N, C-alpha and C. Protein backbone atom coordinates (compact mmCIF):
# COMPACT_ATOMS: atom_id res chain seq x y z
N MET A 1 57.40 137.82 73.92
CA MET A 1 58.63 137.05 74.06
C MET A 1 58.39 135.92 75.06
N PHE A 2 58.77 134.75 74.62
CA PHE A 2 58.54 133.57 75.46
C PHE A 2 59.74 133.31 76.35
N ASP A 3 59.45 132.86 77.54
CA ASP A 3 60.55 132.45 78.44
C ASP A 3 61.23 131.20 77.88
N GLN A 4 62.54 131.22 77.93
CA GLN A 4 63.29 130.05 77.49
C GLN A 4 63.18 128.96 78.55
N PRO A 5 62.91 127.74 78.12
CA PRO A 5 62.84 126.68 79.13
C PRO A 5 64.21 126.46 79.76
N SER A 6 64.22 126.27 81.03
CA SER A 6 65.50 126.03 81.71
C SER A 6 65.99 124.64 81.35
N PRO A 7 67.31 124.51 81.15
CA PRO A 7 67.84 123.20 80.78
C PRO A 7 67.56 122.17 81.87
N MET A 8 67.32 120.94 81.44
CA MET A 8 67.05 119.87 82.41
C MET A 8 68.31 119.63 83.23
N ARG A 9 68.16 119.62 84.51
CA ARG A 9 69.31 119.34 85.39
C ARG A 9 69.37 117.85 85.66
N ARG A 10 70.53 117.29 85.35
CA ARG A 10 70.70 115.86 85.60
C ARG A 10 71.02 115.63 87.06
N GLU A 11 70.24 114.78 87.65
CA GLU A 11 70.49 114.45 89.04
C GLU A 11 71.60 113.40 89.11
N ARG A 12 72.55 113.66 89.98
CA ARG A 12 73.61 112.67 90.19
C ARG A 12 73.05 111.50 90.99
N PRO A 13 73.42 110.30 90.60
CA PRO A 13 72.97 109.16 91.41
C PRO A 13 73.60 109.26 92.80
N PRO A 14 72.86 108.85 93.81
CA PRO A 14 73.43 108.93 95.16
C PRO A 14 74.69 108.08 95.28
N GLN A 15 75.69 108.63 95.97
CA GLN A 15 76.96 107.93 96.13
C GLN A 15 76.78 106.80 97.12
N ARG A 16 77.24 105.61 96.72
CA ARG A 16 77.12 104.46 97.61
C ARG A 16 78.17 104.55 98.70
N ILE A 17 77.76 104.28 99.90
CA ILE A 17 78.69 104.27 101.03
C ILE A 17 78.94 102.83 101.41
N PHE A 18 80.19 102.40 101.22
CA PHE A 18 80.53 101.02 101.54
C PHE A 18 80.89 100.91 103.02
N THR A 19 80.29 99.95 103.67
CA THR A 19 80.50 99.75 105.11
C THR A 19 81.13 98.41 105.43
N ASP A 20 81.15 97.52 104.44
CA ASP A 20 81.59 96.15 104.68
C ASP A 20 82.49 95.67 103.56
N ARG A 21 83.55 94.95 103.94
CA ARG A 21 84.48 94.39 102.96
C ARG A 21 84.63 92.90 103.23
N LEU A 22 84.70 92.14 102.15
CA LEU A 22 84.95 90.70 102.26
C LEU A 22 86.27 90.38 101.56
N PHE A 23 87.08 89.56 102.20
CA PHE A 23 88.33 89.12 101.56
C PHE A 23 88.77 87.80 102.18
N PHE A 24 89.60 87.07 101.44
CA PHE A 24 90.21 85.85 101.93
C PHE A 24 91.62 86.16 102.41
N ALA A 25 92.05 85.46 103.46
CA ALA A 25 93.37 85.74 104.04
C ALA A 25 93.89 84.52 104.78
N ILE A 26 95.18 84.58 105.11
CA ILE A 26 95.76 83.65 106.07
C ILE A 26 96.20 84.48 107.27
N PHE A 27 96.10 83.89 108.45
CA PHE A 27 96.51 84.55 109.69
C PHE A 27 97.60 83.72 110.36
N PRO A 28 98.59 84.38 110.95
CA PRO A 28 99.59 83.63 111.73
C PRO A 28 98.97 83.14 113.04
N ASP A 29 99.58 82.12 113.62
CA ASP A 29 99.17 81.70 114.96
C ASP A 29 99.50 82.82 115.95
N ALA A 30 98.95 82.74 117.15
CA ALA A 30 99.09 83.83 118.13
C ALA A 30 100.55 84.11 118.47
N GLY A 31 101.36 83.06 118.62
CA GLY A 31 102.77 83.27 118.95
C GLY A 31 103.52 83.99 117.84
N THR A 32 103.25 83.61 116.60
CA THR A 32 103.91 84.28 115.48
C THR A 32 103.42 85.70 115.32
N ALA A 33 102.13 85.94 115.55
CA ALA A 33 101.59 87.30 115.48
C ALA A 33 102.28 88.20 116.51
N ALA A 34 102.49 87.67 117.71
CA ALA A 34 103.18 88.45 118.75
C ALA A 34 104.62 88.73 118.33
N ARG A 35 105.27 87.76 117.69
CA ARG A 35 106.65 87.97 117.23
C ARG A 35 106.69 89.04 116.14
N ILE A 36 105.72 89.01 115.22
CA ILE A 36 105.65 90.03 114.16
C ILE A 36 105.44 91.41 114.78
N ALA A 37 104.58 91.48 115.80
CA ALA A 37 104.32 92.77 116.46
C ALA A 37 105.59 93.30 117.12
N ARG A 38 106.38 92.42 117.74
CA ARG A 38 107.65 92.85 118.35
C ARG A 38 108.62 93.34 117.29
N LEU A 39 108.71 92.60 116.19
CA LEU A 39 109.59 93.01 115.09
C LEU A 39 109.17 94.37 114.55
N ARG A 40 107.87 94.59 114.43
CA ARG A 40 107.38 95.88 113.95
C ARG A 40 107.83 97.02 114.87
N GLU A 41 107.73 96.80 116.18
CA GLU A 41 108.13 97.85 117.12
C GLU A 41 109.63 98.13 117.03
N GLU A 42 110.42 97.07 116.84
CA GLU A 42 111.87 97.27 116.67
C GLU A 42 112.15 98.10 115.42
N LEU A 43 111.44 97.80 114.33
CA LEU A 43 111.65 98.53 113.08
C LEU A 43 111.16 99.97 113.20
N ARG A 44 110.07 100.18 113.91
CA ARG A 44 109.56 101.55 114.11
C ARG A 44 110.60 102.40 114.81
N LEU A 45 111.20 101.85 115.87
CA LEU A 45 112.21 102.61 116.62
C LEU A 45 113.45 102.84 115.78
N GLU A 46 113.89 101.79 115.10
CA GLU A 46 115.11 101.89 114.29
C GLU A 46 114.96 102.89 113.16
N LEU A 47 113.79 102.91 112.52
CA LEU A 47 113.58 103.75 111.34
C LEU A 47 112.92 105.09 111.67
N GLY A 48 112.49 105.27 112.92
CA GLY A 48 111.82 106.51 113.29
C GLY A 48 110.48 106.69 112.59
N LEU A 49 109.77 105.57 112.37
CA LEU A 49 108.50 105.63 111.66
C LEU A 49 107.38 106.06 112.59
N GLN A 50 106.55 106.97 112.10
CA GLN A 50 105.34 107.37 112.80
C GLN A 50 104.16 106.76 112.06
N GLY A 51 103.15 106.34 112.77
CA GLY A 51 101.98 105.78 112.10
C GLY A 51 101.24 104.81 112.99
N LYS A 52 100.04 104.47 112.56
CA LYS A 52 99.18 103.60 113.35
C LYS A 52 99.47 102.13 113.05
N PRO A 53 99.90 101.36 114.05
CA PRO A 53 100.15 99.94 113.83
C PRO A 53 98.86 99.13 113.85
N LEU A 54 98.86 98.00 113.17
CA LEU A 54 97.74 97.08 113.25
C LEU A 54 97.86 96.26 114.52
N ALA A 55 96.73 96.01 115.16
CA ALA A 55 96.74 95.16 116.35
C ALA A 55 97.22 93.77 115.97
N ALA A 56 97.87 93.08 116.91
CA ALA A 56 98.47 91.77 116.62
C ALA A 56 97.44 90.80 116.06
N GLU A 57 96.20 90.84 116.58
CA GLU A 57 95.19 89.89 116.11
C GLU A 57 94.68 90.21 114.70
N ARG A 58 95.04 91.37 114.15
CA ARG A 58 94.61 91.73 112.79
C ARG A 58 95.72 91.53 111.76
N LEU A 59 96.90 91.11 112.19
CA LEU A 59 98.00 90.87 111.25
C LEU A 59 97.67 89.67 110.38
N HIS A 60 97.80 89.83 109.08
CA HIS A 60 97.40 88.77 108.15
C HIS A 60 98.05 89.01 106.79
N ALA A 61 97.97 88.02 105.93
CA ALA A 61 98.34 88.17 104.53
C ALA A 61 97.07 87.96 103.71
N THR A 62 96.66 88.99 102.98
CA THR A 62 95.47 88.88 102.13
C THR A 62 95.76 87.93 100.97
N LEU A 63 94.79 87.08 100.69
CA LEU A 63 94.88 86.18 99.54
C LEU A 63 94.15 86.75 98.34
N HIS A 64 92.91 87.16 98.56
CA HIS A 64 92.10 87.62 97.43
C HIS A 64 90.95 88.48 97.95
N PRO A 65 90.72 89.64 97.32
CA PRO A 65 89.54 90.42 97.69
C PRO A 65 88.27 89.78 97.13
N VAL A 66 87.17 89.97 97.81
CA VAL A 66 85.85 89.59 97.28
C VAL A 66 85.11 90.85 96.84
N GLY A 67 85.09 91.88 97.72
CA GLY A 67 84.48 93.14 97.32
C GLY A 67 84.08 93.99 98.51
N ASP A 68 83.70 95.24 98.22
CA ASP A 68 83.18 96.18 99.21
C ASP A 68 81.69 96.35 98.98
N TYR A 69 80.93 96.46 100.09
CA TYR A 69 79.47 96.45 100.00
C TYR A 69 78.87 97.40 101.02
N ALA A 70 77.62 97.79 100.76
CA ALA A 70 76.83 98.53 101.75
C ALA A 70 75.97 97.50 102.47
N GLY A 71 76.47 97.01 103.58
CA GLY A 71 75.83 95.89 104.26
C GLY A 71 76.51 94.60 103.86
N LEU A 72 76.21 93.55 104.60
CA LEU A 72 76.85 92.25 104.35
C LEU A 72 75.95 91.42 103.43
N PRO A 73 76.38 91.18 102.18
CA PRO A 73 75.54 90.44 101.22
C PRO A 73 75.65 88.92 101.44
N GLN A 74 74.63 88.33 102.02
CA GLN A 74 74.69 86.91 102.35
C GLN A 74 74.83 86.02 101.12
N ASP A 75 74.27 86.47 99.98
CA ASP A 75 74.41 85.66 98.76
C ASP A 75 75.87 85.60 98.31
N ILE A 76 76.58 86.74 98.42
CA ILE A 76 78.00 86.76 98.04
C ILE A 76 78.82 85.94 99.03
N VAL A 77 78.48 86.03 100.31
CA VAL A 77 79.17 85.22 101.32
C VAL A 77 79.03 83.74 100.96
N GLY A 78 77.83 83.32 100.59
CA GLY A 78 77.60 81.93 100.23
C GLY A 78 78.36 81.52 98.99
N MET A 79 78.34 82.37 97.95
CA MET A 79 79.06 82.07 96.71
C MET A 79 80.56 81.99 96.95
N ALA A 80 81.09 82.92 97.74
CA ALA A 80 82.53 82.93 98.04
C ALA A 80 82.92 81.68 98.81
N GLY A 81 82.10 81.30 99.77
CA GLY A 81 82.37 80.10 100.55
C GLY A 81 82.33 78.85 99.69
N ASP A 82 81.35 78.77 98.80
CA ASP A 82 81.26 77.61 97.91
C ASP A 82 82.50 77.52 97.01
N ALA A 83 82.94 78.67 96.49
CA ALA A 83 84.13 78.68 95.63
C ALA A 83 85.36 78.24 96.42
N ALA A 84 85.53 78.78 97.62
CA ALA A 84 86.72 78.47 98.43
C ALA A 84 86.76 76.99 98.80
N SER A 85 85.60 76.39 99.00
CA SER A 85 85.56 74.98 99.41
C SER A 85 86.03 74.04 98.31
N THR A 86 86.15 74.53 97.08
CA THR A 86 86.63 73.68 95.98
C THR A 86 88.15 73.71 95.86
N VAL A 87 88.82 74.59 96.59
CA VAL A 87 90.27 74.72 96.48
C VAL A 87 90.95 73.59 97.24
N ALA A 88 91.76 72.81 96.52
CA ALA A 88 92.48 71.69 97.12
C ALA A 88 93.97 71.98 97.09
N MET A 89 94.59 71.89 98.28
CA MET A 89 96.03 72.15 98.37
C MET A 89 96.52 71.67 99.72
N PRO A 90 97.72 71.07 99.79
CA PRO A 90 98.24 70.64 101.08
C PRO A 90 98.74 71.82 101.91
N PRO A 91 98.85 71.63 103.22
CA PRO A 91 99.45 72.69 104.06
C PRO A 91 100.86 73.02 103.60
N PHE A 92 101.30 74.23 103.93
CA PHE A 92 102.64 74.67 103.54
C PHE A 92 103.15 75.65 104.58
N THR A 93 104.42 76.00 104.47
CA THR A 93 105.01 77.02 105.35
C THR A 93 105.23 78.29 104.55
N VAL A 94 104.85 79.42 105.12
CA VAL A 94 105.07 80.72 104.49
C VAL A 94 106.15 81.45 105.31
N ALA A 95 107.00 82.20 104.62
CA ALA A 95 108.08 82.91 105.31
C ALA A 95 108.28 84.29 104.70
N PHE A 96 108.47 85.26 105.58
CA PHE A 96 108.73 86.64 105.17
C PHE A 96 110.08 87.06 105.74
N ASP A 97 110.92 87.68 104.90
CA ASP A 97 112.27 88.04 105.35
C ASP A 97 112.71 89.42 104.87
N GLY A 98 111.76 90.27 104.54
CA GLY A 98 112.08 91.64 104.14
C GLY A 98 110.99 92.59 104.60
N ALA A 99 111.30 93.88 104.61
CA ALA A 99 110.31 94.90 104.97
C ALA A 99 110.51 96.11 104.07
N GLU A 100 109.42 96.72 103.69
CA GLU A 100 109.47 97.93 102.86
C GLU A 100 108.13 98.63 102.91
N SER A 101 108.08 99.83 102.35
CA SER A 101 106.83 100.58 102.24
C SER A 101 106.25 100.44 100.84
N PHE A 102 104.93 100.36 100.77
CA PHE A 102 104.23 100.52 99.51
C PHE A 102 103.87 102.00 99.38
N ARG A 103 103.54 102.41 98.17
CA ARG A 103 103.34 103.85 97.92
C ARG A 103 102.18 104.44 98.73
N GLY A 104 100.99 103.90 98.59
CA GLY A 104 99.86 104.45 99.34
C GLY A 104 99.67 105.92 99.10
N ARG A 105 99.06 106.60 100.06
CA ARG A 105 98.88 108.04 99.96
C ARG A 105 99.76 108.72 101.00
N PRO A 106 100.12 109.99 100.79
CA PRO A 106 101.02 110.68 101.72
C PRO A 106 100.54 110.58 103.17
N GLY A 107 101.46 110.22 104.06
CA GLY A 107 101.13 110.08 105.47
C GLY A 107 100.43 108.79 105.81
N HIS A 108 100.21 107.94 104.81
CA HIS A 108 99.47 106.70 105.03
C HIS A 108 100.09 105.60 104.15
N ARG A 109 101.41 105.43 104.28
CA ARG A 109 102.14 104.47 103.46
C ARG A 109 102.16 103.10 104.15
N PRO A 110 101.61 102.07 103.50
CA PRO A 110 101.68 100.74 104.12
C PRO A 110 103.12 100.28 104.27
N PHE A 111 103.51 99.97 105.49
CA PHE A 111 104.83 99.42 105.78
C PHE A 111 104.61 97.93 106.02
N VAL A 112 105.26 97.08 105.23
CA VAL A 112 104.86 95.68 105.17
C VAL A 112 106.05 94.73 105.30
N LEU A 113 105.75 93.50 105.70
CA LEU A 113 106.69 92.39 105.57
C LEU A 113 106.53 91.82 104.18
N ARG A 114 107.66 91.52 103.53
CA ARG A 114 107.64 90.92 102.20
C ARG A 114 108.39 89.59 102.24
N GLY A 115 108.10 88.75 101.28
CA GLY A 115 108.79 87.47 101.18
C GLY A 115 109.20 87.22 99.74
N TRP A 116 110.17 86.35 99.57
CA TRP A 116 110.64 86.01 98.22
C TRP A 116 110.47 84.51 98.01
N ASP A 117 111.50 83.73 98.28
CA ASP A 117 111.38 82.28 98.09
C ASP A 117 110.34 81.66 99.03
N GLY A 118 110.13 82.28 100.16
CA GLY A 118 109.25 81.69 101.18
C GLY A 118 107.76 81.88 100.94
N VAL A 119 107.37 82.53 99.84
CA VAL A 119 105.94 82.77 99.61
C VAL A 119 105.39 81.99 98.42
N ALA A 120 106.16 81.00 97.92
CA ALA A 120 105.72 80.24 96.74
C ALA A 120 104.39 79.53 97.01
N GLY A 121 104.26 78.91 98.17
CA GLY A 121 103.00 78.23 98.50
C GLY A 121 101.83 79.18 98.58
N LEU A 122 102.08 80.35 99.15
CA LEU A 122 101.02 81.36 99.26
C LEU A 122 100.57 81.83 97.89
N MET A 123 101.50 82.00 96.98
CA MET A 123 101.16 82.43 95.63
C MET A 123 100.36 81.34 94.90
N MET A 124 100.70 80.10 95.13
CA MET A 124 99.97 79.01 94.51
C MET A 124 98.53 78.95 95.04
N LEU A 125 98.38 79.12 96.36
CA LEU A 125 97.05 79.12 96.95
C LEU A 125 96.23 80.28 96.41
N GLN A 126 96.85 81.45 96.29
CA GLN A 126 96.14 82.62 95.77
C GLN A 126 95.65 82.39 94.34
N GLN A 127 96.49 81.77 93.52
CA GLN A 127 96.10 81.50 92.13
C GLN A 127 94.94 80.52 92.06
N ARG A 128 94.99 79.47 92.87
CA ARG A 128 93.91 78.48 92.86
C ARG A 128 92.60 79.09 93.36
N LEU A 129 92.69 79.92 94.39
CA LEU A 129 91.50 80.58 94.90
C LEU A 129 90.93 81.54 93.86
N GLY A 130 91.80 82.30 93.19
CA GLY A 130 91.35 83.23 92.16
C GLY A 130 90.63 82.53 91.03
N LEU A 131 91.15 81.37 90.60
CA LEU A 131 90.50 80.62 89.54
C LEU A 131 89.14 80.10 89.98
N ALA A 132 89.05 79.65 91.24
CA ALA A 132 87.78 79.16 91.77
C ALA A 132 86.75 80.29 91.85
N MET A 133 87.19 81.47 92.25
CA MET A 133 86.28 82.61 92.34
C MET A 133 85.81 83.05 90.95
N ALA A 134 86.73 83.07 89.99
CA ALA A 134 86.35 83.45 88.63
C ALA A 134 85.34 82.46 88.06
N LYS A 135 85.55 81.18 88.33
CA LYS A 135 84.63 80.15 87.85
C LYS A 135 83.25 80.32 88.47
N ALA A 136 83.21 80.82 89.71
CA ALA A 136 81.94 81.03 90.40
C ALA A 136 81.27 82.36 90.04
N GLY A 137 81.92 83.14 89.16
CA GLY A 137 81.35 84.42 88.76
C GLY A 137 81.61 85.55 89.74
N LEU A 138 82.68 85.42 90.52
CA LEU A 138 83.01 86.44 91.53
C LEU A 138 84.21 87.27 91.10
N GLY A 139 84.31 87.59 89.82
CA GLY A 139 85.39 88.45 89.35
C GLY A 139 86.56 87.66 88.82
N CYS A 140 87.57 88.40 88.37
CA CYS A 140 88.74 87.79 87.76
C CYS A 140 89.83 87.55 88.79
N SER A 141 90.76 86.69 88.43
CA SER A 141 91.94 86.50 89.27
C SER A 141 92.73 87.81 89.35
N VAL A 142 93.35 88.05 90.50
CA VAL A 142 94.19 89.24 90.66
C VAL A 142 95.44 89.05 89.81
N PRO A 143 95.71 89.94 88.83
CA PRO A 143 96.83 89.70 87.91
C PRO A 143 98.20 89.89 88.54
N HIS A 144 98.33 90.81 89.48
CA HIS A 144 99.63 91.09 90.09
C HIS A 144 99.50 90.98 91.61
N TYR A 145 99.83 89.82 92.11
CA TYR A 145 99.69 89.55 93.54
C TYR A 145 101.04 89.69 94.22
N THR A 146 101.10 90.51 95.26
CA THR A 146 102.33 90.71 96.02
C THR A 146 102.09 90.25 97.46
N PRO A 147 102.51 89.04 97.81
CA PRO A 147 102.28 88.57 99.19
C PRO A 147 102.94 89.49 100.20
N HIS A 148 102.21 89.87 101.23
CA HIS A 148 102.76 90.76 102.25
C HIS A 148 101.88 90.72 103.50
N VAL A 149 102.45 91.20 104.59
CA VAL A 149 101.73 91.41 105.85
C VAL A 149 101.90 92.88 106.21
N THR A 150 100.81 93.63 106.23
CA THR A 150 100.89 95.06 106.58
C THR A 150 101.13 95.19 108.08
N LEU A 151 102.16 95.95 108.44
CA LEU A 151 102.53 96.15 109.85
C LEU A 151 101.93 97.43 110.41
N LEU A 152 101.98 98.50 109.61
CA LEU A 152 101.44 99.79 110.03
C LEU A 152 101.30 100.68 108.80
N TYR A 153 100.65 101.81 108.98
CA TYR A 153 100.54 102.81 107.93
C TYR A 153 101.41 103.98 108.35
N GLY A 154 102.57 104.12 107.68
CA GLY A 154 103.60 105.05 108.12
C GLY A 154 103.55 106.39 107.44
N ASP A 155 104.41 107.28 107.91
CA ASP A 155 104.42 108.67 107.44
C ASP A 155 105.38 108.88 106.28
N ARG A 156 106.17 107.85 105.91
CA ARG A 156 107.12 108.03 104.81
C ARG A 156 107.46 106.68 104.20
N LEU A 157 108.18 106.74 103.09
CA LEU A 157 108.56 105.53 102.36
C LEU A 157 109.86 104.95 102.92
N VAL A 158 109.89 103.64 103.06
CA VAL A 158 111.09 102.92 103.48
C VAL A 158 111.43 101.93 102.38
N THR A 159 112.66 101.94 101.92
CA THR A 159 113.08 101.03 100.86
C THR A 159 113.27 99.62 101.41
N ASP A 160 113.27 98.65 100.51
CA ASP A 160 113.37 97.24 100.87
C ASP A 160 114.60 96.97 101.72
N ARG A 161 114.41 96.23 102.82
CA ARG A 161 115.51 95.92 103.73
C ARG A 161 115.29 94.51 104.28
N PRO A 162 116.37 93.76 104.52
CA PRO A 162 116.21 92.43 105.10
C PRO A 162 115.83 92.52 106.58
N VAL A 163 115.06 91.54 107.04
CA VAL A 163 114.70 91.44 108.46
C VAL A 163 114.83 89.97 108.86
N ASP A 164 114.82 89.73 110.16
CA ASP A 164 114.85 88.34 110.64
C ASP A 164 113.64 87.59 110.08
N ARG A 165 113.90 86.41 109.59
CA ARG A 165 112.87 85.62 108.93
C ARG A 165 111.72 85.27 109.89
N VAL A 166 110.51 85.49 109.43
CA VAL A 166 109.31 85.13 110.19
C VAL A 166 108.53 84.12 109.36
N SER A 167 108.24 82.96 109.96
CA SER A 167 107.52 81.94 109.20
C SER A 167 106.48 81.27 110.08
N TRP A 168 105.49 80.66 109.43
CA TRP A 168 104.51 79.86 110.16
C TRP A 168 103.90 78.83 109.21
N ALA A 169 103.37 77.77 109.80
CA ALA A 169 102.72 76.72 109.02
C ALA A 169 101.29 77.15 108.71
N VAL A 170 100.92 77.06 107.44
CA VAL A 170 99.58 77.45 107.00
C VAL A 170 98.75 76.17 106.80
N HIS A 171 97.73 76.02 107.65
CA HIS A 171 96.85 74.84 107.59
C HIS A 171 95.45 75.20 107.10
N GLU A 172 95.18 76.50 106.96
CA GLU A 172 93.85 76.92 106.54
C GLU A 172 93.91 78.34 106.00
N PHE A 173 92.87 78.72 105.28
CA PHE A 173 92.64 80.12 104.95
C PHE A 173 91.22 80.46 105.35
N VAL A 174 90.93 81.75 105.46
CA VAL A 174 89.65 82.17 106.04
C VAL A 174 88.98 83.25 105.19
N LEU A 175 87.66 83.32 105.30
CA LEU A 175 86.88 84.40 104.71
C LEU A 175 86.64 85.43 105.80
N VAL A 176 87.06 86.67 105.56
CA VAL A 176 87.04 87.73 106.56
C VAL A 176 85.99 88.78 106.20
N HIS A 177 85.24 89.20 107.19
CA HIS A 177 84.32 90.33 107.07
C HIS A 177 84.95 91.50 107.82
N SER A 178 85.32 92.54 107.08
CA SER A 178 85.90 93.74 107.69
C SER A 178 84.84 94.82 107.77
N LEU A 179 84.64 95.39 108.96
CA LEU A 179 83.74 96.51 109.13
C LEU A 179 84.55 97.78 108.88
N LEU A 180 84.34 98.38 107.73
CA LEU A 180 85.19 99.47 107.27
C LEU A 180 85.13 100.66 108.23
N GLY A 181 86.30 101.19 108.55
CA GLY A 181 86.40 102.35 109.44
C GLY A 181 86.26 102.03 110.90
N ARG A 182 86.10 100.74 111.23
CA ARG A 182 85.91 100.38 112.64
C ARG A 182 86.98 99.45 113.17
N SER A 183 88.00 99.18 112.35
CA SER A 183 89.13 98.34 112.77
C SER A 183 88.67 97.03 113.39
N CYS A 184 87.71 96.39 112.72
CA CYS A 184 87.14 95.16 113.26
C CYS A 184 87.06 94.11 112.16
N TYR A 185 87.59 92.92 112.46
CA TYR A 185 87.49 91.78 111.55
C TYR A 185 86.61 90.71 112.19
N ARG A 186 85.77 90.09 111.36
CA ARG A 186 85.00 88.92 111.78
C ARG A 186 85.33 87.78 110.84
N LEU A 187 85.69 86.64 111.38
CA LEU A 187 85.98 85.47 110.57
C LEU A 187 84.68 84.74 110.29
N LEU A 188 84.30 84.67 109.02
CA LEU A 188 83.02 84.07 108.65
C LEU A 188 83.12 82.59 108.37
N ALA A 189 84.25 82.13 107.84
CA ALA A 189 84.40 80.71 107.51
C ALA A 189 85.87 80.35 107.42
N ARG A 190 86.17 79.11 107.77
CA ARG A 190 87.53 78.58 107.68
C ARG A 190 87.56 77.46 106.65
N PHE A 191 88.67 77.39 105.90
CA PHE A 191 88.81 76.40 104.84
C PHE A 191 90.14 75.67 105.05
N PRO A 192 90.08 74.45 105.57
CA PRO A 192 91.33 73.71 105.84
C PRO A 192 92.02 73.29 104.55
N LEU A 193 93.35 73.24 104.61
CA LEU A 193 94.16 72.77 103.49
C LEU A 193 94.44 71.28 103.73
N SER A 194 93.99 70.45 102.81
CA SER A 194 94.21 69.03 102.97
C SER A 194 94.29 68.30 101.65
N GLY A 195 94.29 69.04 100.53
CA GLY A 195 94.29 68.41 99.21
C GLY A 195 95.68 68.06 98.74
N GLN A 196 95.75 67.63 97.50
CA GLN A 196 97.01 67.27 96.88
C GLN A 196 97.67 68.50 96.25
N ALA A 197 98.99 68.46 96.09
CA ALA A 197 99.72 69.56 95.47
C ALA A 197 99.36 69.65 94.01
């Protein structure tokens, strides 16, 4: 009697560990960031929200993701920068006047500032950037973009509520390098807004 050959065991490919994220964003000026941080603390107390707040210098509105990577890919940084430099648009004012929670995962619900009429310029910039990135071979435009500024990751859901309007003049957007799990942002490049509407 012959021994039956043991079935071939398929080796799983090693799981990639992403350490670096690239994305485009706009950041408020320091005074507006401090005002947003104060508003967040008022809302935390009023709503009894528990959760980790973002530091004032990390408050931003994401425009478009580039991707997550194991290490910082300089070729992608270059391609993203080249694409962003083709975006032409005049400066504009962005305004947020609502707050609510996004679903997220239990105990880690993004609590965010939202805008309605005041985010038209931001949405236009996001669309133009998405088209430039797609043209450069860096993925497709984001189909459903919801302009927001994440304030903290809370323990429960909060429904949409009006807040005092927060606005700032947007003169540039930036390419951000996020070190995942380390709460650290590095600004890699700035792209001034100076084109025609």
